[in-house]
Amino acid sequence: MNMILDKPIIFAVVGNSGCGKTTAVEFVSKQLGIPVLSSYTTRPMRAGEKNGREHIFTTKDQIPNRNEMIAYTFFGHHHYWATRSQVDGQGAILYVIDEAGLEELLDRFEKIYYIIPIYIQCEYMPWMKNDPQRVNRDQQRKRLPRNYYRSIIKNDGTLDDLLENFHFVINRLLKVDPVEMIANWCRKQCGLPTSKELEDQCKGIGPNGYFCA
């Protein structure tokens, strides 16, 4: 998908392990032609994974300087990161990220990229009973308030339901001007009906939109 924007859009997709993030992102990438940002990681590949798809698997000696990264997190005894060179020049991009990485991404790059956080929510997945270590690791994840996210998608039905809902959300967001989308979020949060009032009462861009005065 070719988009003419003054800066890239990052759809930052968050959710517990096994909630369907990667599957949903790959599906929408194929349907809408949006590239997927595969983060680098030092963890070993899991069964069924492919290098360059879920992640780019590498080693500790390949970790770049922090100023080259857009996000970094250390989770489950392994390093995860993505670089600016993977994003710059893109129109829109899909990025699976955890909560700590999303916080850093918003803190450092919210004025450089349009960052749209999306959360996939699931309460229970069948794999959980067979992988207690992964469940314990997930329980130690940083949690962010729901208002951090532009959209929350529940995965409590079939895989087809998840893919259909995720596709609908991304497709809808692509049709909205990013600047106006941010402004609308702030108007909804603050009860501000006009752009002029928005400009007068807000301090600047923050997570999901503006930090309100």
Protein backbone atom coordinates (compact mmCIF):
# COMPACT_ATOMS: atom_id res chain seq x y z
CA MET A 1 0.00 0.00 0.00
CA ASN A 2 1.50 3.34 -1.06
CA MET A 3 0.55 6.20 1.23
CA ILE A 4 1.58 9.85 0.91
CA LEU A 5 2.23 11.03 4.45
CA ASP A 6 4.49 13.58 6.07
CA LYS A 7 5.70 10.84 8.43
CA PRO A 8 5.17 7.07 8.78
CA ILE A 9 2.25 5.46 10.62
CA ILE A 10 3.21 2.71 13.07
CA PHE A 11 0.38 0.38 14.05
CA ALA A 12 1.84 -0.83 17.35
CA VAL A 13 0.13 -4.14 18.21
CA VAL A 14 0.24 -5.29 21.84
CA GLY A 15 -1.13 -8.37 23.61
CA ASN A 16 -0.22 -11.38 25.73
CA SER A 17 1.78 -14.26 24.28
CA GLY A 18 -0.36 -16.47 22.08
CA CYS A 19 -3.23 -13.98 21.73
CA GLY A 20 -2.94 -13.93 17.94
CA LYS A 21 -0.87 -10.78 17.36
CA THR A 22 1.52 -12.23 14.81
CA THR A 23 -1.19 -14.18 12.97
CA ALA A 24 -3.41 -11.09 12.72
CA VAL A 25 -0.56 -8.86 11.60
CA GLU A 26 0.57 -11.29 8.91
CA PHE A 27 -3.00 -11.64 7.63
CA VAL A 28 -3.59 -7.90 7.35
CA SER A 29 -0.16 -7.39 5.80
CA LYS A 30 -1.11 -9.75 2.97
CA GLN A 31 -4.62 -8.34 2.59
CA LEU A 32 -3.74 -4.64 2.66
CA GLY A 33 -0.11 -4.65 1.53
CA ILE A 34 1.21 -3.08 4.72
CA PRO A 35 4.76 -4.21 5.58
CA VAL A 36 5.47 -5.87 8.93
CA LEU A 37 8.31 -4.62 11.07
CA SER A 38 10.08 -7.72 12.40
CA SER A 39 11.90 -6.82 15.59
CA TYR A 40 15.34 -8.15 16.39
CA THR A 41 15.72 -10.54 19.31
CA THR A 42 18.42 -12.57 21.02
CA ARG A 43 16.00 -15.32 22.09
CA PRO A 44 16.09 -18.71 20.35
CA MET A 45 13.58 -19.46 17.62
CA ARG A 46 10.50 -21.40 18.71
CA ALA A 47 9.10 -24.32 16.79
CA GLY A 48 7.28 -23.10 13.68
CA GLU A 49 8.96 -19.68 13.61
CA LYS A 50 10.92 -18.40 10.64
CA ASN A 51 13.81 -15.96 10.77
CA GLY A 52 12.66 -12.58 9.45
CA ARG A 53 8.97 -13.31 9.94
CA GLU A 54 8.13 -13.30 13.67
CA HIS A 55 11.53 -11.79 14.53
CA ILE A 56 15.02 -11.35 13.18
CA PHE A 57 17.00 -13.70 15.39
CA THR A 58 20.47 -12.50 16.27
CA THR A 59 23.05 -12.40 19.08
CA LYS A 60 23.99 -10.00 21.86
CA ASP A 61 27.07 -8.75 20.01
CA GLN A 62 24.76 -7.42 17.26
CA ILE A 63 22.76 -5.10 19.55
CA PRO A 64 23.09 -1.54 18.12
CA ASN A 65 23.44 1.75 19.97
CA ARG A 66 20.24 2.92 21.61
CA ASN A 67 20.09 6.04 19.42
CA GLU A 68 19.62 3.75 16.42
CA MET A 69 16.61 2.02 18.02
CA ILE A 70 12.98 3.11 18.06
CA ALA A 71 12.13 0.67 20.86
CA TYR A 72 13.91 -1.74 23.16
CA THR A 73 12.82 -4.14 25.87
CA PHE A 74 14.38 -6.93 27.92
CA PHE A 75 11.81 -9.62 28.51
CA GLY A 76 12.10 -13.26 29.53
CA HIS A 77 15.91 -12.94 29.78
CA HIS A 78 16.18 -11.85 26.14
CA HIS A 79 16.66 -8.56 24.28
CA TYR A 80 14.15 -7.22 21.74
CA TRP A 81 14.52 -4.09 19.61
CA ALA A 82 13.69 -2.36 16.33
CA THR A 83 15.63 0.30 14.46
CA ARG A 84 14.76 3.60 12.85
CA SER A 85 16.03 2.38 9.49
CA GLN A 86 13.22 -0.22 9.48
CA VAL A 87 10.59 2.53 9.72
CA ASP A 88 11.93 5.61 7.95
CA GLY A 89 10.60 5.94 4.43
CA GLN A 90 7.58 3.71 5.05
CA GLY A 91 3.99 4.84 4.60
CA ALA A 92 2.39 2.57 7.18
CA ILE A 93 3.87 -0.36 9.04
CA LEU A 94 2.63 -3.07 11.42
CA TYR A 95 4.74 -3.67 14.52
CA VAL A 96 4.19 -6.28 17.24
CA ILE A 97 5.56 -4.80 20.45
CA ASP A 98 5.22 -5.23 24.22
CA GLU A 99 4.03 -2.61 26.70
CA ALA A 100 7.49 -1.48 27.82
CA GLY A 101 8.58 -1.06 24.20
CA LEU A 102 5.40 0.86 23.38
CA GLU A 103 6.05 3.28 26.25
CA GLU A 104 9.53 3.99 24.95
CA LEU A 105 8.29 4.33 21.38
CA LEU A 106 5.70 6.92 22.43
CA ASP A 107 8.08 8.73 24.75
CA ARG A 108 10.85 9.14 22.17
CA PHE A 109 9.14 9.17 18.78
CA GLU A 110 5.57 10.44 19.10
CA LYS A 111 6.51 13.65 17.26
CA ILE A 112 8.43 11.81 14.54
CA TYR A 113 5.91 9.06 13.68
CA TYR A 114 2.15 8.64 13.87
CA ILE A 115 1.93 5.88 16.50
CA ILE A 116 -1.38 4.03 16.77
CA PRO A 117 -1.43 1.52 19.65
CA ILE A 118 -3.80 -1.45 19.28
CA TYR A 119 -4.39 -4.05 21.97
CA ILE A 120 -5.51 -7.64 21.32
CA GLN A 121 -7.22 -8.90 24.45
CA CYS A 122 -7.61 -12.57 25.29
CA GLU A 123 -8.34 -14.17 28.64
CA TYR A 124 -7.32 -17.77 27.96
CA MET A 125 -5.57 -19.65 25.17
CA PRO A 126 -5.25 -23.46 24.95
CA TRP A 127 -1.44 -23.40 24.90
CA MET A 128 -1.35 -21.91 28.41
CA LYS A 129 -1.85 -25.21 30.22
CA ASN A 130 1.19 -26.67 28.43
CA ASP A 131 3.61 -23.76 28.88
CA PRO A 132 3.59 -22.55 32.52
CA GLN A 133 6.94 -20.74 32.13
CA ARG A 134 5.56 -18.60 29.32
CA VAL A 135 2.43 -17.89 31.36
CA ASN A 136 4.57 -16.80 34.31
CA ARG A 137 6.63 -14.58 32.03
CA ASP A 138 3.47 -12.93 30.72
CA GLN A 139 2.29 -12.24 34.25
CA GLN A 140 5.41 -10.14 34.77
CA ARG A 141 4.69 -7.91 31.76
CA LYS A 142 4.19 -4.23 32.31
CA ARG A 143 0.50 -3.29 32.04
CA LEU A 144 -0.73 -0.06 30.53
CA PRO A 145 -4.14 1.58 31.08
CA ARG A 146 -6.79 0.95 28.45
CA ASN A 147 -6.76 4.59 27.32
CA TYR A 148 -3.25 4.06 25.95
CA TYR A 149 -4.80 2.20 23.03
CA ARG A 150 -6.57 3.60 20.00
CA SER A 151 -8.45 0.32 19.65
CA ILE A 152 -8.93 -2.83 21.77
CA ILE A 153 -9.83 -6.01 19.89
CA LYS A 154 -11.17 -8.97 21.87
CA ASN A 155 -9.99 -12.41 20.81
CA ASP A 156 -12.64 -14.49 22.53
CA GLY A 157 -14.10 -16.22 19.50
CA THR A 158 -12.69 -18.03 16.48
CA LEU A 159 -9.49 -17.20 14.60
CA ASP A 160 -11.61 -16.03 11.67
CA ASP A 161 -13.38 -13.58 13.98
CA LEU A 162 -10.06 -12.15 15.15
CA LEU A 163 -8.72 -11.75 11.62
CA GLU A 164 -11.95 -10.13 10.40
CA ASN A 165 -12.06 -7.69 13.32
CA PHE A 166 -8.37 -6.79 13.06
CA HIS A 167 -8.69 -6.24 9.31
CA PHE A 168 -11.75 -4.03 9.85
CA VAL A 169 -9.96 -1.87 12.46
CA ILE A 170 -6.78 -1.35 10.44
CA ASN A 171 -8.69 -0.67 7.22
CA ARG A 172 -10.90 1.87 9.02
CA LEU A 173 -7.93 3.65 10.61
CA LEU A 174 -6.13 3.90 7.27
CA LYS A 175 -9.06 5.91 5.91
CA VAL A 176 -8.83 8.53 8.65
CA ASP A 177 -6.37 11.41 8.44
CA PRO A 178 -3.81 10.73 11.23
CA VAL A 179 -3.74 14.32 12.49
CA GLU A 180 -7.54 14.49 12.62
CA MET A 181 -7.65 11.07 14.28
CA ILE A 182 -5.40 12.31 17.09
CA ALA A 183 -7.47 15.46 17.44
CA ASN A 184 -10.71 13.48 17.60
CA TRP A 185 -9.29 11.27 20.34
CA CYS A 186 -8.44 14.36 22.38
CA ARG A 187 -11.84 15.96 21.79
CA LYS A 188 -13.51 12.79 23.02
CA GLN A 189 -11.32 12.65 26.14
CA CYS A 190 -11.67 16.33 27.01
CA GLY A 191 -15.07 17.21 25.60
CA LEU A 192 -13.56 19.79 23.25
CA PRO A 193 -15.77 20.37 20.20
CA THR A 194 -13.41 22.42 18.00
CA SER A 195 -9.80 22.35 16.82
CA LYS A 196 -9.27 25.92 18.13
CA GLU A 197 -10.23 24.89 21.66
CA LEU A 198 -7.98 21.87 21.26
CA GLU A 199 -5.01 24.08 20.41
CA ASP A 200 -5.75 26.52 23.23
CA GLN A 201 -6.08 23.96 26.01
CA CYS A 202 -3.55 21.24 25.15
CA LYS A 203 0.14 21.14 25.97
CA GLY A 204 1.31 18.95 23.09
CA ILE A 205 1.30 15.47 21.61
CA GLY A 206 1.23 12.59 24.10
CA PRO A 207 0.25 8.90 24.20
CA ASN A 208 -2.72 8.32 21.92
CA GLY A 209 -3.03 12.03 21.23
CA TYR A 210 -2.49 15.14 23.31
CA PHE A 211 -1.46 15.64 26.90
CA CYS A 212 -4.38 17.70 28.10
CA ALA A 213 -3.99 20.83 30.19
